[in-house]
Amino acid sequence: MIVYTDLDGTMVGPGGSFFRTETGEPTIEPARALLDLQAAGATLVLASGRTRPQLAEAARIFGADGYVGELGAVLGWDAGHRYEMLRGAMPVEYATQTPLDVLRSLGVVEDLFARWPGRLEWHSPWHAEHESNAMLRGRIDVSAVDEWLHGRGLGWLRLRDNGVLPTADHWHVYHLLPDELSKGLGVARDLGRRALDRDDAVAIGDSASDLDMAPYVRQMWVVGNGARQPQMADLIARHDNVSVCNEPVGLGWAEAVWAALARQNT
């Protein structure tokens, strides 16, 4: 069995801690679940909006075999030592540039900020190391942004929602990246590279971008905090292989891991 898991808001909780519940109390349960996963011989792959260097380090810490990074734009394996950059629908005339370099040269992000003043900003400082997308935060209608991009002749770009920040204003994290890149398509490519199929895989996440993995795995779980997000119930209902955890963040992640192990053993 191979487990594709989101990190922030799923496997790790407030402040990126693996040992804190959603409300900040200490917990050892996620670590117990990780040990059980490793003892069962399952493969762990991190599927995140984080960058390649960040995920290579996280893979070492959690004993993961690899990662699907920047929302499906980069794949890493062999404990993160080897990787592949994906370009999706980015036009061939930009083949020598990274997607982020293209976005900067076109001024797309600045134009977005001007079109929706006060609604979007760089997700500083975490945006700085990205290669394949612009990492933003705020509150915006994703479909309105995609329509605006199409109207500007930039229909090869998409804005993806990567979940709610644990802050009082409940802003979301967004990634502006080429179309035909997603966590789901990254999972599909990673499975193909490993000569595995969807029946070998499960996934765990907390956001709309994580649900992109559902069609490519046997079973997916959404942790409790993710299921509480607006519109998530409707998105979850579109899939017949998605279950909702009772618990949020790390405790929900542990719940999903144990459920996956139990199903594997039946």
Protein backbone atom coordinates (compact mmCIF):
# COMPACT_ATOMS: atom_id res chain seq x y z
CA MET A 1 0.00 0.00 0.00
CA ILE A 2 1.13 3.53 -0.80
CA VAL A 3 -0.22 6.48 1.19
CA TYR A 4 -0.27 9.95 -0.36
CA THR A 5 -0.74 12.56 2.35
CA ASP A 6 -1.03 16.31 2.53
CA LEU A 7 1.09 17.96 5.22
CA ASP A 8 -0.19 21.31 6.50
CA GLY A 9 -3.63 21.11 8.04
CA THR A 10 -3.62 17.32 7.64
CA MET A 11 -0.57 15.45 8.90
CA VAL A 12 0.72 18.42 10.90
CA GLY A 13 -1.33 20.89 12.90
CA PRO A 14 -0.88 24.40 14.29
CA GLY A 15 2.57 25.83 13.60
CA GLY A 16 3.45 22.76 11.54
CA SER A 17 3.69 20.55 14.64
CA PHE A 18 3.22 16.79 14.38
CA PHE A 19 2.64 16.64 18.14
CA ARG A 20 -0.15 19.19 18.63
CA THR A 21 -3.91 18.87 18.22
CA GLU A 22 -5.98 21.48 16.43
CA THR A 23 -6.42 23.35 19.71
CA GLY A 24 -2.75 23.06 20.68
CA GLU A 25 -2.74 20.20 23.19
CA PRO A 26 0.18 17.77 22.98
CA THR A 27 -0.51 14.37 21.37
CA ILE A 28 1.52 11.30 20.47
CA GLU A 29 -1.19 9.61 18.36
CA PRO A 30 0.04 10.79 14.92
CA ALA A 31 3.51 9.41 15.72
CA ARG A 32 1.98 6.09 16.78
CA ALA A 33 0.10 5.92 13.49
CA LEU A 34 3.27 6.72 11.54
CA LEU A 35 5.13 3.92 13.32
CA ASP A 36 2.30 1.48 12.55
CA LEU A 37 2.36 2.55 8.91
CA GLN A 38 6.08 1.93 8.67
CA ALA A 39 5.86 -1.37 10.56
CA ALA A 40 3.26 -2.55 8.03
CA GLY A 41 5.70 -1.88 5.19
CA ALA A 42 3.51 0.79 3.58
CA THR A 43 5.09 3.50 1.43
CA LEU A 44 4.53 7.11 2.50
CA VAL A 45 4.57 9.92 -0.09
CA LEU A 46 4.01 13.57 0.85
CA ALA A 47 1.56 15.46 -1.41
CA SER A 48 1.81 19.15 -0.64
CA GLY A 49 1.99 22.71 -1.88
CA ARG A 50 5.43 22.98 -0.28
CA THR A 51 8.58 23.36 -2.36
CA ARG A 52 11.09 20.74 -3.45
CA PRO A 53 13.73 21.57 -0.76
CA GLN A 54 11.07 21.75 1.96
CA LEU A 55 9.61 18.40 0.99
CA ALA A 56 12.98 16.69 0.64
CA GLU A 57 13.67 17.65 4.26
CA ALA A 58 10.18 16.65 5.43
CA ALA A 59 10.55 13.29 3.66
CA ARG A 60 13.70 12.61 5.67
CA ILE A 61 12.01 13.56 8.93
CA PHE A 62 8.89 11.44 8.40
CA GLY A 63 10.56 8.54 6.61
CA ALA A 64 8.67 9.19 3.36
CA ASP A 65 9.89 7.66 0.11
CA GLY A 66 9.15 10.81 -1.90
CA TYR A 67 6.78 13.66 -2.60
CA VAL A 68 4.34 15.30 -4.96
CA GLY A 69 5.26 18.96 -4.50
CA GLU A 70 3.98 22.42 -5.44
CA LEU A 71 0.48 20.97 -5.97
CA GLY A 72 1.64 18.38 -8.49
CA ALA A 73 4.31 20.37 -10.33
CA VAL A 74 7.31 18.41 -9.04
CA LEU A 75 7.77 14.73 -8.16
CA GLY A 76 10.49 13.43 -5.86
CA TRP A 77 11.49 9.85 -5.08
CA ASP A 78 14.33 7.79 -3.66
CA ALA A 79 13.81 9.60 -0.33
CA GLY A 80 13.69 12.85 -2.27
CA HIS A 81 17.16 12.52 -3.81
CA ARG A 82 15.79 12.43 -7.37
CA TYR A 83 13.06 14.56 -8.83
CA GLU A 84 11.18 15.55 -11.98
CA MET A 85 9.69 18.95 -12.81
CA LEU A 86 6.33 18.94 -14.66
CA ARG A 87 5.08 21.79 -16.85
CA GLY A 88 1.44 20.95 -17.54
CA ALA A 89 -0.24 23.24 -20.07
CA MET A 90 2.51 25.86 -20.07
CA PRO A 91 3.04 27.03 -23.69
CA VAL A 92 6.10 25.67 -25.48
CA GLU A 93 7.48 29.17 -26.07
CA TYR A 94 8.27 29.31 -22.36
CA ALA A 95 10.12 25.97 -22.35
CA THR A 96 13.39 27.48 -21.10
CA GLN A 97 11.77 29.27 -18.13
CA THR A 98 10.21 28.09 -14.91
CA PRO A 99 6.47 28.72 -14.58
CA LEU A 100 7.11 31.26 -11.82
CA ASP A 101 9.60 33.13 -13.99
CA VAL A 102 6.93 33.34 -16.70
CA LEU A 103 4.32 34.64 -14.24
CA ARG A 104 6.74 37.32 -13.09
CA SER A 105 7.65 38.37 -16.63
CA LEU A 106 3.98 38.68 -17.58
CA GLY A 107 3.09 40.60 -14.41
CA VAL A 108 0.12 38.31 -13.78
CA VAL A 109 0.30 38.34 -9.99
CA GLU A 110 0.56 42.14 -9.76
CA ASP A 111 -2.43 42.42 -12.12
CA LEU A 112 -4.39 40.04 -9.89
CA PHE A 113 -3.63 42.19 -6.86
CA ALA A 114 -4.78 45.29 -8.74
CA ARG A 115 -7.99 43.63 -9.95
CA TRP A 116 -8.94 42.41 -6.46
CA PRO A 117 -7.31 44.94 -4.09
CA GLY A 118 -6.97 43.72 -0.52
CA ARG A 119 -8.19 40.24 -1.44
CA LEU A 120 -4.89 38.58 -2.33
CA GLU A 121 -1.22 38.88 -1.39
CA TRP A 122 1.96 36.83 -1.53
CA HIS A 123 2.00 34.08 1.10
CA SER A 124 5.17 35.52 2.55
CA PRO A 125 7.72 34.23 3.44
CA TRP A 126 6.78 30.73 2.24
CA HIS A 127 6.30 31.78 -1.38
CA ALA A 128 9.96 32.67 -1.87
CA GLU A 129 11.38 29.26 -2.87
CA HIS A 130 8.63 28.22 -5.28
CA GLU A 131 9.64 27.31 -8.82
CA SER A 132 6.42 26.22 -10.50
CA ASN A 133 3.69 28.44 -9.07
CA ALA A 134 2.88 31.66 -7.27
CA MET A 135 1.87 30.93 -3.66
CA LEU A 136 -0.73 33.46 -2.48
CA ARG A 137 -3.11 33.98 0.43
CA GLY A 138 -6.40 35.77 0.82
CA ARG A 139 -10.10 35.22 0.15
CA ILE A 140 -11.21 35.10 -3.46
CA ASP A 141 -13.66 33.36 -5.80
CA VAL A 142 -11.44 30.89 -7.64
CA SER A 143 -13.85 30.53 -10.56
CA ALA A 144 -13.89 34.34 -11.02
CA VAL A 145 -10.09 34.40 -11.19
CA ASP A 146 -10.02 31.56 -13.72
CA GLU A 147 -12.57 33.40 -15.87
CA TRP A 148 -10.47 36.58 -15.64
CA LEU A 149 -7.35 34.64 -16.70
CA HIS A 150 -9.19 33.15 -19.68
CA GLY A 151 -10.33 36.61 -20.75
CA ARG A 152 -6.71 37.81 -20.76
CA GLY A 153 -5.57 34.95 -22.99
CA LEU A 154 -4.05 33.11 -20.05
CA GLY A 155 -6.41 30.15 -20.05
CA TRP A 156 -3.42 27.83 -19.57
CA LEU A 157 -3.24 29.08 -15.95
CA ARG A 158 -5.41 28.04 -13.01
CA LEU A 159 -5.82 29.25 -9.41
CA ARG A 160 -6.11 26.35 -6.96
CA ASP A 161 -7.34 26.51 -3.37
CA ASN A 162 -5.00 24.70 -0.97
CA GLY A 163 -7.01 25.15 2.22
CA VAL A 164 -7.70 27.49 5.11
CA LEU A 165 -5.01 29.08 7.25
CA PRO A 166 -5.32 28.64 11.04
CA THR A 167 -5.75 32.38 11.58
CA ALA A 168 -8.57 34.57 12.85
CA ASP A 169 -9.38 35.89 9.37
CA HIS A 170 -9.60 32.34 7.89
CA TRP A 171 -7.75 33.30 4.75
CA HIS A 172 -7.00 30.57 2.22
CA VAL A 173 -3.73 29.56 0.60
CA TYR A 174 -3.84 29.62 -3.21
CA HIS A 175 -1.46 28.47 -5.93
CA LEU A 176 -1.43 30.05 -9.37
CA LEU A 177 0.07 27.47 -11.72
CA PRO A 178 -0.25 25.97 -15.20
CA ASP A 179 -3.36 23.94 -15.97
CA GLU A 180 -2.97 20.16 -16.20
CA LEU A 181 -1.00 20.23 -12.96
CA SER A 182 -2.67 19.04 -9.77
CA LYS A 183 -2.02 16.77 -6.83
CA GLY A 184 -4.20 14.15 -8.52
CA LEU A 185 -2.28 14.20 -11.79
CA GLY A 186 0.97 14.18 -9.82
CA VAL A 187 -0.22 11.09 -7.94
CA ALA A 188 -1.18 9.41 -11.24
CA ARG A 189 2.26 10.07 -12.71
CA ASP A 190 4.00 8.89 -9.53
CA LEU A 191 1.97 5.67 -9.50
CA GLY A 192 2.85 5.06 -13.15
CA ARG A 193 6.53 5.61 -12.43
CA ARG A 194 6.27 3.01 -9.65
CA ALA A 195 4.31 0.56 -11.88
CA LEU A 196 1.38 0.72 -9.43
CA ASP A 197 -2.31 1.53 -9.95
CA ARG A 198 -5.10 3.18 -7.97
CA ASP A 199 -5.96 -0.04 -6.12
CA ASP A 200 -2.55 0.14 -4.45
CA ALA A 201 -3.04 3.72 -3.20
CA VAL A 202 -4.91 5.74 -0.61
CA ALA A 203 -4.80 9.48 0.14
CA ILE A 204 -5.39 11.83 3.07
CA GLY A 205 -6.01 15.58 2.88
CA ASP A 206 -7.96 18.60 4.07
CA SER A 207 -8.66 20.85 1.08
CA ALA A 208 -10.24 21.13 -2.36
CA SER A 209 -6.84 20.64 -3.99
CA ASP A 210 -6.40 17.41 -2.02
CA LEU A 211 -9.68 16.06 -3.36
CA ASP A 212 -8.05 16.09 -6.80
CA MET A 213 -6.30 12.91 -5.61
CA ALA A 214 -9.56 11.00 -5.05
CA PRO A 215 -10.05 9.72 -8.64
CA TYR A 216 -6.54 8.27 -8.66
CA VAL A 217 -6.63 6.26 -5.41
CA ARG A 218 -8.70 3.41 -4.01
CA GLN A 219 -9.83 5.38 -0.95
CA MET A 220 -9.40 8.90 0.34
CA TRP A 221 -9.96 10.45 3.75
CA VAL A 222 -10.59 14.10 4.57
CA VAL A 223 -9.62 15.14 8.11
CA GLY A 224 -12.32 16.77 10.23
CA ASN A 225 -11.10 20.36 9.93
CA GLY A 226 -11.10 20.07 6.15
CA ALA A 227 -14.68 18.80 6.04
CA ARG A 228 -15.80 21.92 7.94
CA GLN A 229 -14.60 24.26 5.19
CA PRO A 230 -17.28 26.01 3.11
CA GLN A 231 -18.34 24.06 0.01
CA MET A 232 -16.26 21.01 0.99
CA ALA A 233 -19.39 18.93 1.65
CA ASP A 234 -20.50 19.43 -1.95
CA LEU A 235 -17.04 18.61 -3.28
CA ILE A 236 -16.78 15.48 -1.13
CA ALA A 237 -20.20 14.30 -2.30
CA ARG A 238 -18.94 14.19 -5.89
CA HIS A 239 -16.73 11.21 -5.04
CA ASP A 240 -17.83 7.74 -3.97
CA ASN A 241 -14.50 6.85 -2.37
CA VAL A 242 -14.05 9.72 0.10
CA SER A 243 -14.59 9.31 3.85
CA VAL A 244 -14.57 12.07 6.49
CA CYS A 245 -12.56 11.60 9.68
CA ASN A 246 -14.15 12.37 13.03
CA GLU A 247 -11.04 14.17 14.28
CA PRO A 248 -9.16 17.18 12.85
CA VAL A 249 -5.52 17.52 11.72
CA GLY A 250 -3.06 15.00 13.22
CA LEU A 251 -5.65 13.01 15.15
CA GLY A 252 -7.76 12.74 12.00
CA TRP A 253 -4.65 11.77 10.05
CA ALA A 254 -3.95 8.98 12.54
CA GLU A 255 -7.59 7.87 12.27
CA ALA A 256 -7.24 7.66 8.47
CA VAL A 257 -3.95 5.73 8.65
CA TRP A 258 -5.40 3.16 11.02
CA ALA A 259 -8.51 2.80 8.87
CA ALA A 260 -6.36 2.24 5.78
CA LEU A 261 -4.25 -0.37 7.59
CA ALA A 262 -7.38 -2.14 8.84
CA ARG A 263 -8.81 -2.34 5.31
CA GLN A 264 -5.52 -3.64 3.98
CA ASN A 265 -5.60 -6.47 6.51
CA THR A 266 -9.18 -7.60 5.76
